[in-house]
């Protein structure tokens, strides 16, 4: 049964052709009282019924055709019921499939034609006991009801169409937001990979160079450098596995290692010192606990700055890290006394270097800013992170 209804919905011309048989049958009943030859009467029957079969394809044209032929058909057949039923059906179609301004004109045209028909048909077929108002109600009532049903159907169709468009728009927005979220996550993972790989590999390269230099003269220092390379490599592998685990895991409840923050800066500084980079550390103001996002950004800024100092500052470079806790922000300063003319342009903010770009992206996500460039005696990176103080959070 469902497939049959589906077939009918897919073939509206068949359904409308079957519907056209109803006014045709009413008109054929009146052929006996015709005032014209039989062939002409049949022609009038076809002319007032055939447009019903095309009502959905040409609503206005079918209605206009039946209205134009309706008057002569009533005079020829001697009965208005067949043509009037066709006009009522087409009036519903115009109201259901065309704008209201068009359907109102069609309704007015039908009522005007009905008035003319009443004035012509009533004196001959209605006795004095049946008031003309009743005849008018018979003609106008079905027309008004058909127009109201058609107008209501168009409103419902527009309402459902609006719901479908809204659902499609929401789905499109959801897909766009998902793509944005994926791109943001890929950028975040790319920054993490860069920070992890660049930092640990630079430490390993420095240690390897030191081991090669001390291989002949100081076996003990060579052994220490190799041990540092081994430890740094294991740490890098651990962090890489953590990142890959985030990528591969589809379980939101999977256990993940905590992200580093300012509390882990001591270990980072010790690692830098072990790699041969003398680093001093100072804290100004009243330290307080930072949210995870700004804490990770602060850690990565210090990590990337020390990595760049080690890579570009020369063999005798030294660095200083300062954290200044203000009332509404954290200021991070990392300075070194190295010389790197190749990066002078990057310090002016032209965007060269993935490390500087990653630092800026991390800090700007939290509403902060990063400046990097040469300073008297070396190089300075300054980052500000807005971290309002919370009462009792020390």
Protein backbone atom coordinates (compact mmCIF):
# COMPACT_ATOMS: atom_id res chain seq x y z
CA UNK A 1 0.00 0.00 0.00
CA UNK A 2 2.84 2.37 0.80
CA UNK A 3 4.46 1.71 -2.56
CA UNK A 4 1.11 2.42 -4.28
CA UNK A 5 0.84 5.79 -2.54
CA UNK A 6 4.42 6.51 -3.46
CA UNK A 7 3.64 5.70 -7.09
CA UNK A 8 0.66 8.06 -7.01
CA UNK A 9 2.82 10.86 -5.58
CA UNK A 10 5.29 10.27 -8.37
CA UNK A 11 2.60 10.48 -11.09
CA UNK A 12 0.45 13.56 -10.33
CA UNK A 13 -0.86 13.71 -13.91
CA UNK A 14 -2.57 10.35 -13.47
CA UNK A 15 -4.19 11.44 -10.20
CA UNK A 16 -5.39 14.74 -11.68
CA UNK A 17 -6.75 12.97 -14.76
CA UNK A 18 -8.83 10.73 -12.51
CA UNK A 19 -10.01 13.82 -10.62
CA UNK A 20 -11.04 15.46 -13.90
CA UNK A 21 -13.53 12.64 -14.46
CA UNK A 22 -15.73 13.92 -11.59
CA UNK A 23 -16.75 17.28 -13.15
CA UNK A 24 -16.87 15.54 -16.53
CA UNK A 25 -19.39 13.03 -15.16
CA UNK A 26 -21.56 15.80 -13.66
CA UNK A 27 -21.50 17.65 -16.97
CA UNK A 28 -22.40 14.52 -18.94
CA UNK A 29 -25.45 14.00 -16.72
CA UNK A 30 -26.76 17.35 -17.93
CA UNK A 31 -26.15 16.57 -21.59
CA UNK A 32 -29.78 15.41 -21.85
CA UNK A 33 -30.97 18.96 -21.24
CA UNK A 34 -28.51 20.44 -23.68
CA UNK A 35 -29.36 23.39 -25.81
CA UNK A 36 -26.74 22.60 -28.49
CA UNK A 37 -26.00 19.52 -30.60
CA UNK A 38 -24.48 16.50 -28.86
CA UNK A 39 -21.03 16.98 -30.40
CA UNK A 40 -20.88 20.56 -29.17
CA UNK A 41 -22.05 19.50 -25.70
CA UNK A 42 -19.32 16.85 -25.48
CA UNK A 43 -16.81 19.45 -26.62
CA UNK A 44 -17.92 21.75 -23.79
CA UNK A 45 -17.59 18.85 -21.32
CA UNK A 46 -14.01 18.20 -22.44
CA UNK A 47 -13.17 21.90 -22.42
CA UNK A 48 -14.29 22.32 -18.79
CA UNK A 49 -12.81 19.03 -17.49
CA UNK A 50 -9.50 18.58 -19.30
CA UNK A 51 -7.81 21.59 -17.61
CA UNK A 52 -8.29 19.85 -14.26
CA UNK A 53 -5.83 17.18 -15.40
CA UNK A 54 -3.20 19.92 -15.90
CA UNK A 55 -4.01 21.85 -12.74
CA UNK A 56 -0.65 21.36 -10.99
CA UNK A 57 1.43 22.04 -14.08
CA UNK A 58 -0.50 25.17 -15.18
CA UNK A 59 -2.64 26.34 -12.24
CA UNK A 60 -3.42 29.86 -13.47
CA UNK A 61 -3.77 28.87 -17.12
CA UNK A 62 -6.14 26.00 -16.33
CA UNK A 63 -8.26 28.21 -14.08
CA UNK A 64 -8.45 30.98 -16.69
CA UNK A 65 -9.43 28.50 -19.40
CA UNK A 66 -12.31 27.03 -17.38
CA UNK A 67 -13.50 30.50 -16.29
CA UNK A 68 -13.51 31.66 -19.93
CA UNK A 69 -15.41 28.61 -21.16
CA UNK A 70 -17.59 28.26 -18.06
CA UNK A 71 -20.33 30.71 -19.05
CA UNK A 72 -20.92 29.29 -22.53
CA UNK A 73 -20.72 25.77 -21.09
CA UNK A 74 -23.46 26.50 -18.55
CA UNK A 75 -25.69 27.89 -21.30
CA UNK A 76 -24.92 24.94 -23.59
CA UNK A 77 -25.33 22.16 -21.00
CA UNK A 78 -28.16 23.71 -19.05
CA UNK A 79 -26.47 22.96 -15.69
CA UNK A 80 -23.71 24.82 -13.85
CA UNK A 81 -22.62 21.98 -11.53
CA UNK A 82 -19.95 20.38 -13.73
CA UNK A 83 -18.13 23.60 -14.74
CA UNK A 84 -18.50 25.06 -11.26
CA UNK A 85 -16.95 21.97 -9.64
CA UNK A 86 -14.00 22.22 -12.05
CA UNK A 87 -13.56 25.88 -11.19
CA UNK A 88 -13.67 25.11 -7.44
CA UNK A 89 -10.97 22.47 -7.86
CA UNK A 90 -8.81 24.84 -9.88
CA UNK A 91 -9.40 27.68 -7.41
CA UNK A 92 -8.02 25.44 -4.65
CA UNK A 93 -5.03 24.65 -6.87
CA UNK A 94 -4.29 28.32 -7.57
CA UNK A 95 -4.49 29.13 -3.84
CA UNK A 96 -2.24 26.17 -2.97
CA UNK A 97 0.46 26.68 -5.61
CA UNK A 98 0.50 30.39 -6.41
CA UNK A 99 1.07 33.55 -4.31
CA UNK A 100 -1.86 34.93 -2.37
CA UNK A 101 -2.13 38.03 -4.55
CA UNK A 102 -2.81 35.76 -7.54
CA UNK A 103 -5.27 33.51 -5.72
CA UNK A 104 -7.26 36.49 -4.41
CA UNK A 105 -7.75 37.73 -7.99
CA UNK A 106 -8.87 34.23 -9.00
CA UNK A 107 -11.35 34.13 -6.11
CA UNK A 108 -12.77 37.51 -7.08
CA UNK A 109 -13.14 36.40 -10.70
CA UNK A 110 -14.99 33.25 -9.62
CA UNK A 111 -17.36 35.16 -7.31
CA UNK A 112 -18.12 37.65 -10.08
CA UNK A 113 -18.85 34.81 -12.48
CA UNK A 114 -20.99 33.07 -9.87
CA UNK A 115 -23.02 36.25 -9.40
CA UNK A 116 -23.68 36.46 -13.13
CA UNK A 117 -24.65 32.78 -13.19
CA UNK A 118 -27.06 33.24 -10.29
CA UNK A 119 -28.75 36.17 -11.96
CA UNK A 120 -29.13 34.22 -15.19
CA UNK A 121 -29.95 30.77 -13.81
CA UNK A 122 -32.05 31.48 -10.71
CA UNK A 123 -35.22 32.94 -12.24
CA UNK A 124 -35.72 29.88 -14.40
CA UNK A 125 -34.79 27.12 -11.93
CA UNK A 126 -35.53 28.39 -8.44
CA UNK A 127 -39.06 28.83 -7.14
CA UNK A 128 -40.08 31.55 -4.75
CA UNK A 129 -39.69 29.32 -1.67
CA UNK A 130 -35.97 29.04 -2.13
CA UNK A 131 -34.26 32.37 -1.50
CA UNK A 132 -31.62 33.64 -3.80
CA UNK A 133 -29.28 33.98 -0.81
CA UNK A 134 -29.32 30.21 -0.46
CA UNK A 135 -28.32 29.83 -4.09
CA UNK A 136 -25.52 32.33 -3.58
CA UNK A 137 -24.32 30.32 -0.59
CA UNK A 138 -24.33 27.14 -2.68
CA UNK A 139 -22.15 28.79 -5.30
CA UNK A 140 -19.92 30.98 -3.13
CA UNK A 141 -19.57 28.72 -0.06
CA UNK A 142 -17.59 25.91 -1.76
CA UNK A 143 -15.42 28.50 -3.52
CA UNK A 144 -14.51 30.26 -0.29
CA UNK A 145 -13.86 26.92 1.44
CA UNK A 146 -11.66 25.76 -1.45
CA UNK A 147 -9.70 29.01 -1.39
CA UNK A 148 -9.19 28.79 2.38
CA UNK A 149 -8.03 25.16 2.14
CA UNK A 150 -5.64 25.98 -0.70
CA UNK A 151 -4.23 29.02 1.09
CA UNK A 152 -3.75 26.99 4.26
CA UNK A 153 -2.00 24.26 2.27
CA UNK A 154 0.38 26.80 0.75
CA UNK A 155 1.14 28.23 4.21
CA UNK A 156 1.88 24.74 5.56
CA UNK A 157 4.03 23.97 2.53
CA UNK A 158 6.00 27.19 3.04
CA UNK A 159 6.34 26.44 6.76
CA UNK A 160 7.71 22.96 6.12
CA UNK A 161 9.98 24.31 3.40
CA UNK A 162 11.33 26.85 5.88
CA UNK A 163 11.96 24.07 8.40
CA UNK A 164 13.81 22.03 5.78
CA UNK A 165 15.92 25.03 4.75
CA UNK A 166 16.70 25.78 8.38
CA UNK A 167 17.68 22.16 9.01
CA UNK A 168 19.90 22.20 5.92
CA UNK A 169 21.47 25.49 7.02
CA UNK A 170 22.10 24.17 10.53
CA UNK A 171 23.63 21.03 9.08
CA UNK A 172 25.85 23.12 6.83
CA UNK A 173 26.90 25.30 9.78
CA UNK A 174 27.57 22.19 11.87
CA UNK A 175 29.79 20.77 9.11
CA UNK A 176 31.60 24.10 8.77
CA UNK A 177 32.15 24.29 12.53
CA UNK A 178 33.42 20.71 12.51
CA UNK A 179 35.88 21.58 9.74
CA UNK A 180 37.04 24.65 11.66
CA UNK A 181 37.46 22.56 14.81
CA UNK A 182 39.45 19.95 12.88
CA UNK A 183 41.69 22.65 11.38
CA UNK A 184 42.22 24.21 14.82
CA UNK A 185 43.05 20.82 16.32
CA UNK A 186 45.49 20.06 13.51
CA UNK A 187 47.17 23.42 14.07
CA UNK A 188 47.36 22.73 17.82
CA UNK A 189 48.90 19.29 17.25
CA UNK A 190 51.32 20.77 14.71
CA UNK A 191 52.46 23.31 17.31
CA UNK A 192 52.87 20.56 19.89
CA UNK A 193 54.90 18.42 17.49
CA UNK A 194 57.10 21.36 16.56
CA UNK A 195 57.76 22.29 20.18
CA UNK A 196 58.51 18.73 21.25
CA UNK A 197 60.68 17.81 18.26
CA UNK A 198 62.56 21.11 17.98
CA UNK A 199 63.35 21.31 21.67
CA UNK A 200 64.49 17.75 22.24
CA UNK A 201 66.32 17.39 18.94
CA UNK A 202 68.23 20.62 19.54
CA UNK A 203 69.26 19.32 22.98
CA UNK A 204 70.38 16.05 21.44
CA UNK A 205 72.36 17.84 18.71
CA UNK A 206 74.15 20.03 21.25
CA UNK A 207 74.94 17.03 23.43
CA UNK A 208 76.13 15.03 20.43
CA UNK A 209 78.46 17.87 19.36
CA UNK A 210 79.81 18.09 22.90
CA UNK A 211 80.35 14.35 23.07
CA UNK A 212 82.21 14.36 19.77
CA UNK A 213 84.41 17.23 20.97
CA UNK A 214 85.22 15.56 24.31
CA UNK A 215 85.54 12.03 22.97
CA UNK A 216 89.37 12.01 22.98
CA UNK A 217 90.10 14.29 25.91
CA UNK A 218 87.34 13.58 28.45
CA UNK A 219 85.65 10.16 28.28
CA UNK A 220 83.63 10.95 31.41
CA UNK A 221 82.06 14.04 29.84
CA UNK A 222 81.39 12.02 26.71
CA UNK A 223 79.62 9.40 28.80
CA UNK A 224 77.53 12.11 30.48
CA UNK A 225 76.63 13.65 27.12
CA UNK A 226 75.58 10.28 25.73
CA UNK A 227 73.46 9.65 28.81
CA UNK A 228 71.82 13.06 28.33
CA UNK A 229 71.15 12.25 24.68
CA UNK A 230 69.59 8.93 25.69
CA UNK A 231 67.38 10.55 28.34
CA UNK A 232 66.31 13.37 26.04
CA UNK A 233 65.48 10.89 23.27
CA UNK A 234 63.35 8.80 25.62
CA UNK A 235 61.53 11.90 26.80
CA UNK A 236 60.91 12.96 23.22
CA UNK A 237 59.57 9.51 22.38
CA UNK A 238 57.29 9.62 25.40
CA UNK A 239 55.79 12.95 24.35
CA UNK A 240 55.52 11.81 20.74
CA UNK A 241 53.65 8.68 21.83
CA UNK A 242 51.32 10.85 23.88
CA UNK A 243 50.52 13.03 20.89
CA UNK A 244 50.06 10.04 18.61
CA UNK A 245 47.82 8.48 21.22
CA UNK A 246 45.61 11.57 21.12
CA UNK A 247 45.44 11.31 17.33
CA UNK A 248 44.63 7.59 17.25
CA UNK A 249 42.35 7.34 20.25
CA UNK A 250 38.62 7.57 19.54
CA UNK A 251 37.72 7.20 23.22
CA UNK A 252 37.06 10.49 24.94
CA UNK A 253 37.65 8.85 28.28
CA UNK A 254 41.18 7.75 27.45
CA UNK A 255 43.79 8.56 30.06
CA UNK A 256 46.08 11.33 28.84
CA UNK A 257 49.24 12.71 30.37
CA UNK A 258 48.85 16.18 31.90
CA UNK A 259 50.06 19.11 29.84
CA UNK A 260 53.14 20.92 31.14
CA UNK A 261 52.76 24.29 32.85
CA UNK A 262 54.82 26.81 34.79
CA UNK A 263 55.28 24.21 37.54
CA UNK A 264 57.39 22.15 35.10
CA UNK A 265 59.70 25.04 34.18
CA UNK A 266 62.25 23.85 36.73
CA UNK A 267 62.73 20.59 34.86
CA UNK A 268 62.91 22.43 31.55
CA UNK A 269 65.62 24.78 32.89
CA UNK A 270 67.61 21.88 34.31
CA UNK A 271 67.44 20.17 30.94
CA UNK A 272 68.69 23.33 29.23
CA UNK A 273 71.56 23.65 31.71
CA UNK A 274 72.47 20.01 31.22
CA UNK A 275 72.65 20.69 27.48
CA UNK A 276 75.23 23.42 28.11
CA UNK A 277 73.02 26.51 28.16
CA UNK A 278 73.45 28.53 31.39
CA UNK A 279 70.00 29.80 32.37
CA UNK A 280 69.00 32.05 35.24
CA UNK A 281 65.45 32.15 36.53
CA UNK A 282 63.56 34.85 38.45
CA UNK A 283 59.98 35.32 39.61
CA UNK A 284 58.54 38.77 40.31
CA UNK A 285 55.28 39.53 42.03
CA UNK A 286 53.05 37.04 43.85
CA UNK A 287 52.95 33.66 42.06
CA UNK A 288 49.54 32.08 41.58
CA UNK A 289 48.03 29.06 39.93
CA UNK A 290 47.33 29.59 36.21
CA UNK A 291 44.57 28.02 34.15
CA UNK A 292 45.76 25.04 32.06
CA UNK A 293 45.67 26.92 28.73
CA UNK A 294 47.76 29.96 29.71
CA UNK A 295 50.08 27.72 31.78
CA UNK A 296 50.82 25.55 28.73
CA UNK A 297 51.32 28.65 26.56
CA UNK A 298 53.80 30.09 29.10
CA UNK A 299 55.73 26.82 29.21
CA UNK A 300 55.91 26.61 25.40
CA UNK A 301 57.08 30.23 25.10
CA UNK A 302 59.98 29.57 27.47
CA UNK A 303 60.74 26.25 25.78
CA UNK A 304 60.79 27.72 22.28
CA UNK A 305 62.83 30.74 23.37
CA UNK A 306 65.50 28.53 24.99
CA UNK A 307 65.51 26.28 21.93
CA UNK A 308 66.13 29.26 19.65
CA UNK A 309 68.86 30.57 21.97
CA UNK A 310 70.58 27.21 21.88
CA UNK A 311 70.23 26.85 18.10
CA UNK A 312 71.12 30.38 17.01
CA UNK A 313 72.90 32.08 19.88
CA UNK A 314 76.32 30.48 19.49
CA UNK A 315 78.31 28.16 21.73
CA UNK A 316 78.81 30.66 24.58
CA UNK A 317 75.26 31.99 24.82
CA UNK A 318 73.58 32.45 28.20
CA UNK A 319 69.91 33.07 28.88
CA UNK A 320 67.68 34.55 31.57
CA UNK A 321 64.01 33.74 32.21
CA UNK A 322 61.75 36.09 34.17
CA UNK A 323 58.13 35.58 35.17
CA UNK A 324 56.37 38.71 36.41
CA UNK A 325 52.95 38.15 37.99
CA UNK A 326 50.88 41.33 37.72
CA UNK A 327 47.33 41.92 38.87
CA UNK A 328 45.73 41.04 35.55
CA UNK A 329 48.46 39.44 33.47
CA UNK A 330 51.60 37.35 33.40
CA UNK A 331 54.65 38.79 31.64
CA UNK A 332 57.27 36.33 30.40
CA UNK A 333 60.69 37.58 29.39
CA UNK A 334 63.42 35.40 27.95
CA UNK A 335 66.66 37.15 27.03
CA UNK A 336 69.98 35.83 25.80
CA UNK A 337 73.28 37.37 24.80
CA UNK A 338 73.60 35.56 21.48
CA UNK A 339 73.95 37.12 18.05
CA UNK A 340 71.72 35.95 15.21
CA UNK A 341 71.53 38.42 12.31
CA UNK A 342 69.66 35.87 10.18
CA UNK A 343 66.65 36.14 12.48
CA UNK A 344 66.59 39.90 12.80
CA UNK A 345 63.78 40.17 10.31
CA UNK A 346 61.72 37.57 12.16
CA UNK A 347 61.95 39.63 15.30
CA UNK A 348 60.16 42.47 13.55
CA UNK A 349 57.19 40.23 13.08
CA UNK A 350 57.37 39.20 9.44
CA UNK A 351 56.26 35.74 10.42
CA UNK A 352 59.35 33.76 9.35
CA UNK A 353 60.06 30.72 11.49
CA UNK A 354 57.53 28.18 12.67
CA UNK A 355 58.61 28.62 16.29
CA UNK A 356 57.76 32.32 16.44
CA UNK A 357 54.50 31.71 14.60
CA UNK A 358 53.60 28.93 17.03
CA UNK A 359 54.37 31.15 20.04
CA UNK A 360 52.20 33.96 18.70
CA UNK A 361 49.34 31.59 17.92
CA UNK A 362 49.44 30.03 21.38
CA UNK A 363 49.48 33.35 23.19
CA UNK A 364 46.96 35.11 20.94
CA UNK A 365 44.45 32.31 21.51
CA UNK A 366 44.32 33.43 25.15
CA UNK A 367 44.17 37.14 24.31
CA UNK A 368 47.89 37.86 24.79
CA UNK A 369 50.71 39.13 22.61
CA UNK A 370 54.30 38.20 21.79
CA UNK A 371 57.18 40.38 20.66
CA UNK A 372 60.57 39.01 19.67
CA UNK A 373 63.59 40.87 18.44
CA UNK A 374 67.09 42.12 19.11
CA UNK A 375 67.81 44.03 22.28
CA UNK A 376 70.96 45.68 23.65
CA UNK A 377 73.41 42.85 24.09
CA UNK A 378 71.38 40.06 22.56
CA UNK A 379 67.85 38.88 21.88
CA UNK A 380 64.62 39.21 23.82
CA UNK A 381 61.25 37.47 23.69
CA UNK A 382 58.42 39.09 25.66
CA UNK A 383 55.00 37.50 26.04
CA UNK A 384 51.99 38.82 27.97
CA UNK A 385 49.14 36.56 29.02
CA UNK A 386 45.96 37.99 30.59
CA UNK A 387 45.39 35.93 33.76
CA UNK A 388 43.12 37.80 36.20
CA UNK A 389 43.82 36.98 39.84
CA UNK A 390 41.17 34.85 41.51
CA UNK A 391 40.41 35.45 45.20
CA UNK A 392 42.32 33.00 47.34
CA UNK A 393 44.12 31.37 44.39
CA UNK A 394 47.76 31.67 45.36
